[in-house]
Amino acid sequence: MFALKESLKQELENLNEEQLKQVEDFIAFLKFRSRSASWHIDKNHLAALYGEFAEEDRQLAEEGLDDYTELLRQEDCK
């Protein structure tokens, strides 16, 4: 591991500014990918949320667009 780090340090010394920016971007990508791989999606929870919002949407549609707009405005004011 130490030899690899030293080798990489030497390679970095030979890169120009644009290449260093690309390496920086790639490191940021690797960190992001590492974080996103650890996300756990609970399908049951998502299904419950979908059901909850689907029912709310159905009720709002039945009340009419004017009432729906007023409720959205009230939510935005909170």
Protein backbone atom coordinates (compact mmCIF):
# COMPACT_ATOMS: atom_id res chain seq x y z
CA MET A 1 0.00 0.00 0.00
CA PHE A 2 2.81 2.38 0.90
CA ALA A 3 4.55 1.72 -2.43
CA LEU A 4 1.33 2.43 -4.30
CA LYS A 5 0.85 5.76 -2.51
CA GLU A 6 4.42 6.77 -3.23
CA SER A 7 4.03 5.81 -6.87
CA LEU A 8 0.86 7.87 -7.14
CA LYS A 9 2.53 10.86 -5.49
CA GLN A 10 5.32 10.70 -8.06
CA GLU A 11 2.82 10.49 -10.91
CA LEU A 12 0.92 13.48 -9.53
CA GLU A 13 4.09 15.55 -9.52
CA ASN A 14 4.34 15.13 -13.30
CA LEU A 15 0.79 16.21 -14.11
CA ASN A 16 -0.16 19.65 -15.39
CA GLU A 17 -2.90 21.79 -13.84
CA GLU A 18 -5.68 20.45 -16.10
CA GLN A 19 -4.72 16.84 -15.42
CA LEU A 20 -4.66 17.52 -11.68
CA LYS A 21 -8.19 18.95 -11.95
CA GLN A 22 -9.31 15.76 -13.67
CA VAL A 23 -7.76 13.65 -10.91
CA GLU A 24 -9.51 15.81 -8.32
CA ASP A 25 -12.85 15.32 -10.12
CA PHE A 26 -12.29 11.57 -10.27
CA ILE A 27 -11.53 11.41 -6.55
CA ALA A 28 -14.75 13.33 -5.85
CA PHE A 29 -16.62 10.84 -8.05
CA LEU A 30 -15.12 7.88 -6.17
CA LYS A 31 -16.17 9.40 -2.83
CA PHE A 32 -19.70 10.03 -4.12
CA ARG A 33 -20.00 6.50 -5.49
CA SER A 34 -18.79 5.10 -2.18
CA ARG A 35 -21.46 7.04 -0.27
CA SER A 36 -24.27 6.16 -2.68
CA ALA A 37 -23.40 2.46 -2.57
CA SER A 38 -24.15 2.45 1.15
CA TRP A 39 -27.70 3.75 0.77
CA HIS A 40 -30.38 1.29 1.77
CA ILE A 41 -33.78 1.65 0.15
CA ASP A 42 -36.65 0.24 2.17
CA LYS A 43 -39.17 -0.79 -0.48
CA ASN A 44 -41.94 -1.23 2.09
CA HIS A 45 -41.44 2.32 3.34
CA LEU A 46 -41.47 3.66 -0.23
CA ALA A 47 -44.68 1.74 -0.96
CA ALA A 48 -46.31 3.22 2.15
CA LEU A 49 -45.28 6.75 1.13
CA TYR A 50 -46.58 6.18 -2.38
CA GLY A 51 -49.90 4.99 -1.00
CA GLU A 52 -50.13 7.94 1.37
CA PHE A 53 -49.48 10.53 -1.33
CA ALA A 54 -51.63 8.77 -3.90
CA GLU A 55 -54.60 8.98 -1.55
CA GLU A 56 -53.88 12.63 -0.79
CA ASP A 57 -53.61 13.42 -4.51
CA ARG A 58 -56.90 11.65 -5.21
CA GLN A 59 -58.66 13.63 -2.49
CA LEU A 60 -57.22 16.92 -3.69
CA ALA A 61 -58.31 16.20 -7.26
CA GLU A 62 -61.82 15.51 -6.03
CA GLU A 63 -61.94 18.81 -4.14
CA GLY A 64 -61.10 20.72 -7.28
CA LEU A 65 -58.16 22.65 -8.58
CA ASP A 66 -59.03 25.89 -6.80
CA ASP A 67 -59.05 24.18 -3.42
CA TYR A 68 -55.86 22.33 -4.33
CA THR A 69 -54.13 25.60 -5.26
CA GLU A 70 -55.21 27.17 -1.99
CA LEU A 71 -53.88 24.21 0.00
CA LEU A 72 -50.54 24.41 -1.83
CA ARG A 73 -50.33 28.11 -1.06
CA GLN A 74 -51.02 27.41 2.61
CA GLU A 75 -48.33 24.72 2.67
CA ASP A 76 -45.82 27.15 1.14
CA CYS A 77 -46.59 29.69 3.87
CA LYS A 78 -45.74 27.24 6.66
